[in-house]
């Protein structure tokens, strides 16, 4: 009757339903390319293929221009940062000489 009765509850062994998942990026890319080729094969007319080809070329062209703009912007940022750092270094070293002479003048008074 009091066989299962206790003042402290002891947790038993728990089992978890863990199913490991594996993501294969190569397999996903392959699947996407297969779907793309199937869609291209469905568009069997010459005009449709020509339109898709033009769209792809224009997309690549636009991306190339955006890439060039981003490179120019990043180079400009680097030049500005270097100019600011060089100006700070110049003022620190120049300021130390001016500050040192000012302190020596104060000491001599």
PDB file of N, CA and C in Angstrom:
ATOM      1  N   UNK A   1       0.810  -1.190   0.000  1.00  0.00           N
ATOM      2  CA  UNK A   1       0.000   0.000   0.000  1.00  0.00           C
ATOM      3  C   UNK A   1       0.856   1.258   0.000  1.00  0.00           C
ATOM      4  N   UNK A   2       1.885   1.324   0.832  1.00  0.00           N
ATOM      5  CA  UNK A   2       2.779   2.483   0.896  1.00  0.00           C
ATOM      6  C   UNK A   2       4.079   2.234   0.147  1.00  0.00           C
ATOM      7  N   UNK A   3       4.060   1.314  -0.768  1.00  0.00           N
ATOM      8  CA  UNK A   3       5.268   0.939  -1.486  1.00  0.00           C
ATOM      9  C   UNK A   3       5.809   2.091  -2.339  1.00  0.00           C
ATOM     10  N   UNK A   4       4.968   2.856  -3.011  1.00  0.00           N
ATOM     11  CA  UNK A   4       5.411   3.936  -3.892  1.00  0.00           C
ATOM     12  C   UNK A   4       5.402   5.290  -3.191  1.00  0.00           C
ATOM     13  N   UNK A   5       5.132   5.340  -1.942  1.00  0.00           N
ATOM     14  CA  UNK A   5       5.062   6.586  -1.193  1.00  0.00           C
ATOM     15  C   UNK A   5       6.459   6.983  -0.702  1.00  0.00           C
ATOM     16  N   UNK A   6       6.844   8.262  -0.981  1.00  0.00           N
ATOM     17  CA  UNK A   6       8.102   8.761  -0.447  1.00  0.00           C
ATOM     18  C   UNK A   6       7.979  10.262  -0.269  1.00  0.00           C
ATOM     19  N   UNK A   7       8.835  10.839   0.578  1.00  0.00           N
ATOM     20  CA  UNK A   7       8.820  12.278   0.827  1.00  0.00           C
ATOM     21  C   UNK A   7       9.538  13.057  -0.274  1.00  0.00           C
ATOM     22  N   UNK A   8      10.464  12.420  -0.916  1.00  0.00           N
ATOM     23  CA  UNK A   8      11.211  13.080  -1.978  1.00  0.00           C
ATOM     24  C   UNK A   8      10.911  12.396  -3.305  1.00  0.00           C
ATOM     25  N   UNK A   9      10.711  13.229  -4.323  1.00  0.00           N
ATOM     26  CA  UNK A   9      10.442  12.684  -5.644  1.00  0.00           C
ATOM     27  C   UNK A   9      11.767  12.549  -6.397  1.00  0.00           C
ATOM     28  N   UNK A  10      12.053  11.390  -6.839  1.00  0.00           N
ATOM     29  CA  UNK A  10      13.275  11.137  -7.587  1.00  0.00           C
ATOM     30  C   UNK A  10      12.898  11.048  -9.063  1.00  0.00           C
ATOM     31  N   UNK A  11      13.520  11.931  -9.841  1.00  0.00           N
ATOM     32  CA  UNK A  11      13.244  11.919 -11.269  1.00  0.00           C
ATOM     33  C   UNK A  11      13.889  10.713 -11.919  1.00  0.00           C
ATOM     34  N   UNK A  12      13.128  10.079 -12.739  1.00  0.00           N
ATOM     35  CA  UNK A  12      13.626   8.900 -13.427  1.00  0.00           C
ATOM     36  C   UNK A  12      14.324   9.272 -14.728  1.00  0.00           C
ATOM     37  N   UNK A  13      14.738   8.267 -15.430  1.00  0.00           N
ATOM     38  CA  UNK A  13      15.420   8.458 -16.705  1.00  0.00           C
ATOM     39  C   UNK A  13      14.416   8.977 -17.725  1.00  0.00           C
ATOM     40  N   UNK A  14      14.784  10.036 -18.422  1.00  0.00           N
ATOM     41  CA  UNK A  14      13.916  10.601 -19.450  1.00  0.00           C
ATOM     42  C   UNK A  14      14.508  10.319 -20.817  1.00  0.00           C
ATOM     43  N   UNK A  15      13.639  10.060 -21.755  1.00  0.00           N
ATOM     44  CA  UNK A  15      14.077   9.836 -23.125  1.00  0.00           C
ATOM     45  C   UNK A  15      13.597  10.996 -23.979  1.00  0.00           C
ATOM     46  N   UNK A  16      14.455  11.401 -24.868  1.00  0.00           N
ATOM     47  CA  UNK A  16      14.132  12.486 -25.775  1.00  0.00           C
ATOM     48  C   UNK A  16      14.061  11.941 -27.187  1.00  0.00           C
ATOM     49  N   UNK A  17      13.095  12.437 -27.918  1.00  0.00           N
ATOM     50  CA  UNK A  17      12.976  12.050 -29.319  1.00  0.00           C
ATOM     51  C   UNK A  17      13.760  13.053 -30.152  1.00  0.00           C
ATOM     52  N   UNK A  18      15.016  12.807 -30.309  1.00  0.00           N
ATOM     53  CA  UNK A  18      15.893  13.700 -31.064  1.00  0.00           C
ATOM     54  C   UNK A  18      16.224  13.041 -32.387  1.00  0.00           C
ATOM     55  N   UNK A  19      15.788  13.689 -33.454  1.00  0.00           N
ATOM     56  CA  UNK A  19      16.110  13.189 -34.789  1.00  0.00           C
ATOM     57  C   UNK A  19      17.127  14.148 -35.391  1.00  0.00           C
ATOM     58  N   UNK A  20      18.381  13.749 -35.516  1.00  0.00           N
ATOM     59  CA  UNK A  20      19.382  14.670 -36.066  1.00  0.00           C
ATOM     60  C   UNK A  20      19.072  15.007 -37.515  1.00  0.00           C
ATOM     61  N   UNK A  21      19.258  16.280 -37.830  1.00  0.00           N
ATOM     62  CA  UNK A  21      19.006  16.746 -39.193  1.00  0.00           C
ATOM     63  C   UNK A  21      20.329  17.161 -39.807  1.00  0.00           C
ATOM     64  N   UNK A  22      20.461  16.838 -41.060  1.00  0.00           N
ATOM     65  CA  UNK A  22      21.698  17.175 -41.763  1.00  0.00           C
ATOM     66  C   UNK A  22      21.342  18.049 -42.947  1.00  0.00           C
ATOM     67  N   UNK A  23      21.986  19.189 -43.059  1.00  0.00           N
ATOM     68  CA  UNK A  23      21.764  20.108 -44.171  1.00  0.00           C
ATOM     69  C   UNK A  23      22.930  19.992 -45.128  1.00  0.00           C
ATOM     70  N   UNK A  24      22.633  19.597 -46.334  1.00  0.00           N
ATOM     71  CA  UNK A  24      23.660  19.450 -47.355  1.00  0.00           C
ATOM     72  C   UNK A  24      23.493  20.583 -48.366  1.00  0.00           C
ATOM     73  N   UNK A  25      24.358  21.584 -48.266  1.00  0.00           N
ATOM     74  CA  UNK A  25      24.255  22.752 -49.135  1.00  0.00           C
ATOM     75  C   UNK A  25      24.456  22.377 -50.601  1.00  0.00           C
ATOM     76  N   UNK A  26      25.344  21.474 -50.851  1.00  0.00           N
ATOM     77  CA  UNK A  26      25.618  21.051 -52.226  1.00  0.00           C
ATOM     78  C   UNK A  26      24.380  20.405 -52.845  1.00  0.00           C
ATOM     79  N   UNK A  27      23.716  19.584 -52.061  1.00  0.00           N
ATOM     80  CA  UNK A  27      22.520  18.912 -52.534  1.00  0.00           C
ATOM     81  C   UNK A  27      21.398  19.921 -52.817  1.00  0.00           C
ATOM     82  N   UNK A  28      21.262  20.927 -51.954  1.00  0.00           N
ATOM     83  CA  UNK A  28      20.247  21.961 -52.158  1.00  0.00           C
ATOM     84  C   UNK A  28      20.529  22.763 -53.434  1.00  0.00           C
ATOM     85  N   UNK A  29      21.796  23.129 -53.651  1.00  0.00           N
ATOM     86  CA  UNK A  29      22.144  23.861 -54.868  1.00  0.00           C
ATOM     87  C   UNK A  29      21.856  23.019 -56.109  1.00  0.00           C
ATOM     88  N   UNK A  30      22.190  21.735 -56.042  1.00  0.00           N
ATOM     89  CA  UNK A  30      21.937  20.832 -57.160  1.00  0.00           C
ATOM     90  C   UNK A  30      20.443  20.735 -57.444  1.00  0.00           C
ATOM     91  N   UNK A  31      19.658  20.626 -56.385  1.00  0.00           N
ATOM     92  CA  UNK A  31      18.215  20.543 -56.556  1.00  0.00           C
ATOM     93  C   UNK A  31      17.661  21.824 -57.186  1.00  0.00           C
ATOM     94  N   UNK A  32      18.178  22.982 -56.759  1.00  0.00           N
ATOM     95  CA  UNK A  32      17.726  24.256 -57.318  1.00  0.00           C
ATOM     96  C   UNK A  32      18.090  24.359 -58.797  1.00  0.00           C
ATOM     97  N   UNK A  33      19.277  23.904 -59.160  1.00  0.00           N
ATOM     98  CA  UNK A  33      19.690  23.960 -60.576  1.00  0.00           C
ATOM     99  C   UNK A  33      18.849  23.026 -61.436  1.00  0.00           C
ATOM    100  N   UNK A  34      18.531  21.851 -60.893  1.00  0.00           N
ATOM    101  CA  UNK A  34      17.693  20.911 -61.631  1.00  0.00           C
ATOM    102  C   UNK A  34      16.327  21.522 -61.885  1.00  0.00           C
ATOM    103  N   UNK A  35      15.752  22.165 -60.844  1.00  0.00           N
ATOM    104  CA  UNK A  35      14.460  22.822 -61.021  1.00  0.00           C
ATOM    105  C   UNK A  35      14.549  23.952 -62.051  1.00  0.00           C
ATOM    106  N   UNK A  36      15.647  24.684 -62.016  1.00  0.00           N
ATOM    107  CA  UNK A  36      15.834  25.780 -62.973  1.00  0.00           C
ATOM    108  C   UNK A  36      15.897  25.239 -64.405  1.00  0.00           C
ATOM    109  N   UNK A  37      16.642  24.171 -64.619  1.00  0.00           N
ATOM    110  CA  UNK A  37      16.748  23.596 -65.961  1.00  0.00           C
ATOM    111  C   UNK A  37      15.410  23.010 -66.427  1.00  0.00           C
ATOM    112  N   UNK A  38      14.656  22.450 -65.483  1.00  0.00           N
ATOM    113  CA  UNK A  38      13.342  21.927 -65.857  1.00  0.00           C
ATOM    114  C   UNK A  38      12.414  23.055 -66.297  1.00  0.00           C
ATOM    115  N   UNK A  39      12.487  24.190 -65.575  1.00  0.00           N
ATOM    116  CA  UNK A  39      11.671  25.338 -65.970  1.00  0.00           C
ATOM    117  C   UNK A  39      12.099  25.867 -67.330  1.00  0.00           C
ATOM    118  N   UNK A  40      13.403  25.887 -67.582  1.00  0.00           N
ATOM    119  CA  UNK A  40      13.899  26.354 -68.875  1.00  0.00           C
ATOM    120  C   UNK A  40      13.479  25.415 -69.995  1.00  0.00           C
ATOM    121  N   UNK A  41      13.442  24.118 -69.728  1.00  0.00           N
ATOM    122  CA  UNK A  41      13.020  23.165 -70.752  1.00  0.00           C
ATOM    123  C   UNK A  41      11.530  23.294 -71.038  1.00  0.00           C
ATOM    124  N   UNK A  42      10.762  23.674 -70.019  1.00  0.00           N
ATOM    125  CA  UNK A  42       9.327  23.880 -70.231  1.00  0.00           C
ATOM    126  C   UNK A  42       9.096  25.074 -71.158  1.00  0.00           C
ATOM    127  N   UNK A  43       9.941  26.092 -71.024  1.00  0.00           N
ATOM    128  CA  UNK A  43       9.835  27.248 -71.913  1.00  0.00           C
ATOM    129  C   UNK A  43      10.545  26.889 -73.219  1.00  0.00           C
ATOM    130  N   UNK A  44       9.860  26.130 -74.045  1.00  0.00           N
ATOM    131  CA  UNK A  44      10.520  25.542 -75.203  1.00  0.00           C
ATOM    132  C   UNK A  44      10.602  26.475 -76.403  1.00  0.00           C
ATOM    133  N   UNK A  45       9.796  27.502 -76.433  1.00  0.00           N
ATOM    134  CA  UNK A  45       9.836  28.355 -77.615  1.00  0.00           C
ATOM    135  C   UNK A  45      11.101  29.202 -77.610  1.00  0.00           C
ATOM    136  N   UNK A  46      11.538  29.539 -78.773  1.00  0.00           N
ATOM    137  CA  UNK A  46      12.771  30.308 -78.943  1.00  0.00           C
ATOM    138  C   UNK A  46      12.635  31.701 -78.332  1.00  0.00           C
ATOM    139  N   UNK A  47      11.470  32.322 -78.501  1.00  0.00           N
ATOM    140  CA  UNK A  47      11.260  33.674 -77.963  1.00  0.00           C
ATOM    141  C   UNK A  47      11.336  33.695 -76.442  1.00  0.00           C
ATOM    142  N   UNK A  48      10.751  32.701 -75.793  1.00  0.00           N
ATOM    143  CA  UNK A  48      10.777  32.643 -74.335  1.00  0.00           C
ATOM    144  C   UNK A  48      12.205  32.453 -73.831  1.00  0.00           C
ATOM    145  N   UNK A  49      12.959  31.601 -74.496  1.00  0.00           N
ATOM    146  CA  UNK A  49      14.360  31.397 -74.108  1.00  0.00           C
ATOM    147  C   UNK A  49      15.162  32.682 -74.278  1.00  0.00           C
ATOM    148  N   UNK A  50      14.890  33.394 -75.365  1.00  0.00           N
ATOM    149  CA  UNK A  50      15.588  34.644 -75.619  1.00  0.00           C
ATOM    150  C   UNK A  50      15.253  35.681 -74.547  1.00  0.00           C
ATOM    151  N   UNK A  51      14.014  35.742 -74.139  1.00  0.00           N
ATOM    152  CA  UNK A  51      13.598  36.690 -73.098  1.00  0.00           C
ATOM    153  C   UNK A  51      14.271  36.346 -71.773  1.00  0.00           C
ATOM    154  N   UNK A  52      14.295  35.078 -71.397  1.00  0.00           N
ATOM    155  CA  UNK A  52      14.941  34.698 -70.138  1.00  0.00           C
ATOM    156  C   UNK A  52      16.441  34.976 -70.191  1.00  0.00           C
ATOM    157  N   UNK A  53      17.069  34.740 -71.336  1.00  0.00           N
ATOM    158  CA  UNK A  53      18.494  35.017 -71.478  1.00  0.00           C
ATOM    159  C   UNK A  53      18.774  36.508 -71.320  1.00  0.00           C
ATOM    160  N   UNK A  54      17.942  37.352 -71.943  1.00  0.00           N
ATOM    161  CA  UNK A  54      18.112  38.800 -71.813  1.00  0.00           C
ATOM    162  C   UNK A  54      17.932  39.250 -70.367  1.00  0.00           C
ATOM    163  N   UNK A  55      16.950  38.662 -69.684  1.00  0.00           N
ATOM    164  CA  UNK A  55      16.733  39.009 -68.273  1.00  0.00           C
ATOM    165  C   UNK A  55      17.946  38.645 -67.424  1.00  0.00           C
ATOM    166  N   UNK A  56      18.492  37.472 -67.678  1.00  0.00           N
ATOM    167  CA  UNK A  56      19.670  37.052 -66.911  1.00  0.00           C
ATOM    168  C   UNK A  56      20.857  37.981 -67.168  1.00  0.00           C
ATOM    169  N   UNK A  57      21.074  38.340 -68.423  1.00  0.00           N
ATOM    170  CA  UNK A  57      22.193  39.225 -68.766  1.00  0.00           C
ATOM    171  C   UNK A  57      22.009  40.592 -68.126  1.00  0.00           C
ATOM    172  N   UNK A  58      20.784  41.131 -68.182  1.00  0.00           N
ATOM    173  CA  UNK A  58      20.563  42.448 -67.578  1.00  0.00           C
ATOM    174  C   UNK A  58      20.718  42.396 -66.067  1.00  0.00           C
ATOM    175  N   UNK A  59      20.270  41.296 -65.423  1.00  0.00           N
ATOM    176  CA  UNK A  59      20.462  41.160 -63.974  1.00  0.00           C
ATOM    177  C   UNK A  59      21.942  41.122 -63.622  1.00  0.00           C
ATOM    178  N   UNK A  60      22.718  40.366 -64.395  1.00  0.00           N
ATOM    179  CA  UNK A  60      24.159  40.304 -64.140  1.00  0.00           C
ATOM    180  C   UNK A  60      24.819  41.657 -64.378  1.00  0.00           C
ATOM    181  N   UNK A  61      24.383  42.372 -65.374  1.00  0.00           N
ATOM    182  CA  UNK A  61      24.935  43.693 -65.682  1.00  0.00           C
ATOM    183  C   UNK A  61      24.658  44.661 -64.531  1.00  0.00           C
ATOM    184  N   UNK A  62      23.427  44.653 -64.031  1.00  0.00           N
ATOM    185  CA  UNK A  62      23.057  45.532 -62.927  1.00  0.00           C
ATOM    186  C   UNK A  62      23.860  45.185 -61.682  1.00  0.00           C
ATOM    187  N   UNK A  63      23.991  43.894 -61.409  1.00  0.00           N
ATOM    188  CA  UNK A  63      24.768  43.483 -60.230  1.00  0.00           C
ATOM    189  C   UNK A  63      26.216  43.911 -60.350  1.00  0.00           C
ATOM    190  N   UNK A  64      26.774  43.857 -61.553  1.00  0.00           N
ATOM    191  CA  UNK A  64      28.156  44.277 -61.762  1.00  0.00           C
ATOM    192  C   UNK A  64      28.332  45.760 -61.495  1.00  0.00           C
ATOM    193  N   UNK A  65      27.364  46.577 -61.922  1.00  0.00           N
ATOM    194  CA  UNK A  65      27.453  48.011 -61.679  1.00  0.00           C
ATOM    195  C   UNK A  65      27.335  48.318 -60.191  1.00  0.00           C
ATOM    196  N   UNK A  66      26.435  47.625 -59.502  1.00  0.00           N
ATOM    197  CA  UNK A  66      26.293  47.822 -58.055  1.00  0.00           C
ATOM    198  C   UNK A  66      27.570  47.423 -57.336  1.00  0.00           C
ATOM    199  N   UNK A  67      28.205  46.367 -57.797  1.00  0.00           N
ATOM    200  CA  UNK A  67      29.450  45.901 -57.187  1.00  0.00           C
ATOM    201  C   UNK A  67      30.548  46.952 -57.355  1.00  0.00           C
ATOM    202  N   UNK A  68      30.628  47.537 -58.556  1.00  0.00           N
ATOM    203  CA  UNK A  68      31.636  48.575 -58.791  1.00  0.00           C
ATOM    204  C   UNK A  68      31.378  49.784 -57.912  1.00  0.00           C
ATOM    205  N   UNK A  69      30.116  50.177 -57.754  1.00  0.00           N
ATOM    206  CA  UNK A  69      29.778  51.312 -56.893  1.00  0.00           C
ATOM    207  C   UNK A  69      30.162  51.025 -55.448  1.00  0.00           C
ATOM    208  N   UNK A  70      29.913  49.812 -54.995  1.00  0.00           N
ATOM    209  CA  UNK A  70      30.246  49.477 -53.613  1.00  0.00           C
ATOM    210  C   UNK A  70      31.756  49.485 -53.396  1.00  0.00           C
ATOM    211  N   UNK A  71      32.526  49.061 -54.396  1.00  0.00           N
ATOM    212  CA  UNK A  71      33.988  49.086 -54.283  1.00  0.00           C
ATOM    213  C   UNK A  71      34.480  50.528 -54.194  1.00  0.00           C
ATOM    214  N   UNK A  72      33.927  51.407 -55.029  1.00  0.00           N
ATOM    215  CA  UNK A  72      34.332  52.818 -55.004  1.00  0.00           C
ATOM    216  C   UNK A  72      33.994  53.431 -53.647  1.00  0.00           C
ATOM    217  N   UNK A  73      32.814  53.127 -53.118  1.00  0.00           N
ATOM    218  CA  UNK A  73      32.426  53.673 -51.822  1.00  0.00           C
ATOM    219  C   UNK A  73      33.331  53.167 -50.708  1.00  0.00           C
ATOM    220  N   UNK A  74      33.675  51.885 -50.735  1.00  0.00           N
ATOM    221  CA  UNK A  74      34.536  51.351 -49.684  1.00  0.00           C
ATOM    222  C   UNK A  74      35.943  51.937 -49.776  1.00  0.00           C
ATOM    223  N   UNK A  75      36.453  52.131 -50.997  1.00  0.00           N
ATOM    224  CA  UNK A  75      37.767  52.746 -51.156  1.00  0.00           C
ATOM    225  C   UNK A  75      37.760  54.182 -50.661  1.00  0.00           C
ATOM    226  N   UNK A  76      36.669  54.907 -50.929  1.00  0.00           N
ATOM    227  CA  UNK A  76      36.560  56.276 -50.448  1.00  0.00           C
ATOM    228  C   UNK A  76      36.545  56.317 -48.926  1.00  0.00           C
ATOM    229  N   UNK A  77      35.808  55.396 -48.309  1.00  0.00           N
ATOM    230  CA  UNK A  77      35.789  55.324 -46.845  1.00  0.00           C
ATOM    231  C   UNK A  77      37.180  55.061 -46.286  1.00  0.00           C
ATOM    232  N   UNK A  78      37.917  54.164 -46.907  1.00  0.00           N
ATOM    233  CA  UNK A  78      39.265  53.842 -46.432  1.00  0.00           C
ATOM    234  C   UNK A  78      40.165  55.067 -46.529  1.00  0.00           C
ATOM    235  N   UNK A  79      40.083  55.807 -47.634  1.00  0.00           N
ATOM    236  CA  UNK A  79      40.907  57.014 -47.798  1.00  0.00           C
ATOM    237  C   UNK A  79      40.551  58.043 -46.736  1.00  0.00           C
ATOM    238  N   UNK A  80      39.266  58.230 -46.468  1.00  0.00           N
ATOM    239  CA  UNK A  80      38.853  59.203 -45.445  1.00  0.00           C
ATOM    240  C   UNK A  80      39.339  58.781 -44.072  1.00  0.00           C
ATOM    241  N   UNK A  81      39.204  57.509 -43.750  1.00  0.00           N
ATOM    242  CA  UNK A  81      39.662  57.019 -42.439  1.00  0.00           C
ATOM    243  C   UNK A  81      41.162  57.202 -42.300  1.00  0.00           C
ATOM    244  N   UNK A  82      41.927  56.885 -43.342  1.00  0.00           N
ATOM    245  CA  UNK A  82      43.377  57.069 -43.282  1.00  0.00           C
ATOM    246  C   UNK A  82      43.745  58.542 -43.124  1.00  0.00           C
ATOM    247  N   UNK A  83      43.019  59.428 -43.807  1.00  0.00           N
ATOM    248  CA  UNK A  83      43.297  60.857 -43.680  1.00  0.00           C
ATOM    249  C   UNK A  83      43.035  61.332 -42.260  1.00  0.00           C
ATOM    250  N   UNK A  84      41.949  60.867 -41.661  1.00  0.00           N
ATOM    251  CA  UNK A  84      41.636  61.254 -40.276  1.00  0.00           C
ATOM    252  C   UNK A  84      42.698  60.726 -39.322  1.00  0.00           C
ATOM    253  N   UNK A  85      43.125  59.485 -39.515  1.00  0.00           N
ATOM    254  CA  UNK A  85      44.151  58.907 -38.635  1.00  0.00           C
ATOM    255  C   UNK A  85      45.467  59.669 -38.785  1.00  0.00           C
ATOM    256  N   UNK A  86      45.861  59.969 -40.026  1.00  0.00           N
ATOM    257  CA  UNK A  86      47.102  60.720 -40.234  1.00  0.00           C
ATOM    258  C   UNK A  86      47.015  62.114 -39.620  1.00  0.00           C
ATOM    259  N   UNK A  87      45.867  62.766 -39.735  1.00  0.00           N
ATOM    260  CA  UNK A  87      45.699  64.095 -39.135  1.00  0.00           C
ATOM    261  C   UNK A  87      45.806  64.005 -37.618  1.00  0.00           C
ATOM    262  N   UNK A  88      45.195  62.980 -37.022  1.00  0.00           N
ATOM    263  CA  UNK A  88      45.281  62.815 -35.566  1.00  0.00           C
ATOM    264  C   UNK A  88      46.716  62.559 -35.121  1.00  0.00           C
ATOM    265  N   UNK A  89      47.435  61.731 -35.856  1.00  0.00           N
ATOM    266  CA  UNK A  89      48.835  61.453 -35.515  1.00  0.00           C
ATOM    267  C   UNK A  89      49.662  62.727 -35.630  1.00  0.00           C
ATOM    268  N   UNK A  90      49.431  63.476 -36.686  1.00  0.00           N
ATOM    269  CA  UNK A  90      50.161  64.735 -36.862  1.00  0.00           C
ATOM    270  C   UNK A  90      49.896  65.686 -35.708  1.00  0.00           C
ATOM    271  N   UNK A  91      48.625  65.845 -35.345  1.00  0.00           N
ATOM    272  CA  UNK A  91      48.293  66.769 -34.262  1.00  0.00           C
ATOM    273  C   UNK A  91      48.799  66.276 -32.910  1.00  0.00           C
ATOM    274  N   UNK A  92      48.826  64.971 -32.700  1.00  0.00           N
ATOM    275  CA  UNK A  92      49.345  64.443 -31.431  1.00  0.00           C
ATOM    276  C   UNK A  92      50.829  64.748 -31.326  1.00  0.00           C
ATOM    277  N   UNK A  93      51.590  64.442 -32.375  1.00  0.00           N
ATOM    278  CA  UNK A  93      53.028  64.684 -32.300  1.00  0.00           C
ATOM    279  C   UNK A  93      53.348  66.175 -32.304  1.00  0.00           C
ATOM    280  N   UNK A  94      52.640  66.941 -33.083  1.00  0.00           N
ATOM    281  CA  UNK A  94      52.828  68.387 -33.081  1.00  0.00           C
ATOM    282  C   UNK A  94      52.383  68.974 -31.750  1.00  0.00           C
ATOM    283  N   UNK A  95      51.277  68.470 -31.243  1.00  0.00           N
ATOM    284  CA  UNK A  95      50.754  68.961 -29.975  1.00  0.00           C
ATOM    285  C   UNK A  95      51.688  68.659 -28.824  1.00  0.00           C
ATOM    286  N   UNK A  96      52.385  67.534 -28.872  1.00  0.00           N
ATOM    287  CA  UNK A  96      53.324  67.202 -27.807  1.00  0.00           C
ATOM    288  C   UNK A  96      54.486  68.182 -27.786  1.00  0.00           C
ATOM    289  N   UNK A  97      54.963  68.564 -28.956  1.00  0.00           N
ATOM    290  CA  UNK A  97      56.059  69.536 -29.001  1.00  0.00           C
ATOM    291  C   UNK A  97      55.588  70.889 -28.483  1.00  0.00           C
ATOM    292  N   UNK A  98      54.422  71.335 -28.931  1.00  0.00           N
ATOM    293  CA  UNK A  98      53.899  72.625 -28.473  1.00  0.00           C
ATOM    294  C   UNK A  98      53.599  72.563 -26.987  1.00  0.00           C
ATOM    295  N   UNK A  99      52.983  71.460 -26.560  1.00  0.00           N
ATOM    296  CA  UNK A  99      52.670  71.311 -25.134  1.00  0.00           C
ATOM    297  C   UNK A  99      53.929  71.248 -24.295  1.00  0.00           C
ATOM    298  N   UNK A 100      54.947  70.573 -24.803  1.00  0.00           N
ATOM    299  CA  UNK A 100      56.203  70.469 -24.055  1.00  0.00           C
ATOM    300  C   UNK A 100      56.873  71.815 -23.915  1.00  0.00           C
ATOM    301  N   UNK A 101      56.889  72.617 -24.972  1.00  0.00           N
ATOM    302  CA  UNK A 101      57.491  73.950 -24.880  1.00  0.00           C
ATOM    303  C   UNK A 101      56.664  74.839 -23.970  1.00  0.00           C
ATOM    304  N   UNK A 102      55.368  74.713 -23.986  1.00  0.00           N
ATOM    305  CA  UNK A 102      54.503  75.517 -23.115  1.00  0.00           C
ATOM    306  C   UNK A 102      54.733  75.152 -21.651  1.00  0.00           C
ATOM    307  N   UNK A 103      54.894  73.871 -21.374  1.00  0.00           N
ATOM    308  CA  UNK A 103      55.147  73.436 -19.984  1.00  0.00           C
ATOM    309  C   UNK A 103      56.501  73.939 -19.528  1.00  0.00           C
ATOM    310  N   UNK A 104      57.513  73.901 -20.392  1.00  0.00           N
ATOM    311  CA  UNK A 104      58.849  74.400 -20.013  1.00  0.00           C
ATOM    312  C   UNK A 104      58.797  75.902 -19.756  1.00  0.00           C
ATOM    313  N   UNK A 105      58.019  76.638 -20.527  1.00  0.00           N
ATOM    314  CA  UNK A 105      57.878  78.070 -20.280  1.00  0.00           C
ATOM    315  C   UNK A 105      57.212  78.316 -18.948  1.00  0.00           C
ATOM    316  N   UNK A 106      56.252  77.534 -18.590  1.00  0.00           N
ATOM    317  CA  UNK A 106      55.573  77.690 -17.300  1.00  0.00           C
ATOM    318  C   UNK A 106      56.531  77.371 -16.139  1.00  0.00           C
ATOM    319  N   UNK A 107      57.410  76.370 -16.331  1.00  0.00           N
ATOM    320  CA  UNK A 107      58.359  75.992 -15.283  1.00  0.00           C
ATOM    321  C   UNK A 107      59.394  77.099 -15.071  1.00  0.00           C
ATOM    322  N   UNK A 108      59.816  77.745 -16.138  1.00  0.00           N
ATOM    323  CA  UNK A 108      60.862  78.753 -16.008  1.00  0.00           C
ATOM    324  C   UNK A 108      60.336  80.021 -15.347  1.00  0.00           C
ATOM    325  N   UNK A 109      59.057  80.247 -15.322  1.00  0.00           N
ATOM    326  CA  UNK A 109      58.520  81.458 -14.676  1.00  0.00           C
ATOM    327  C   UNK A 109      58.525  81.332 -13.230  1.00  0.00           C
TER     328      UNK A 109
END
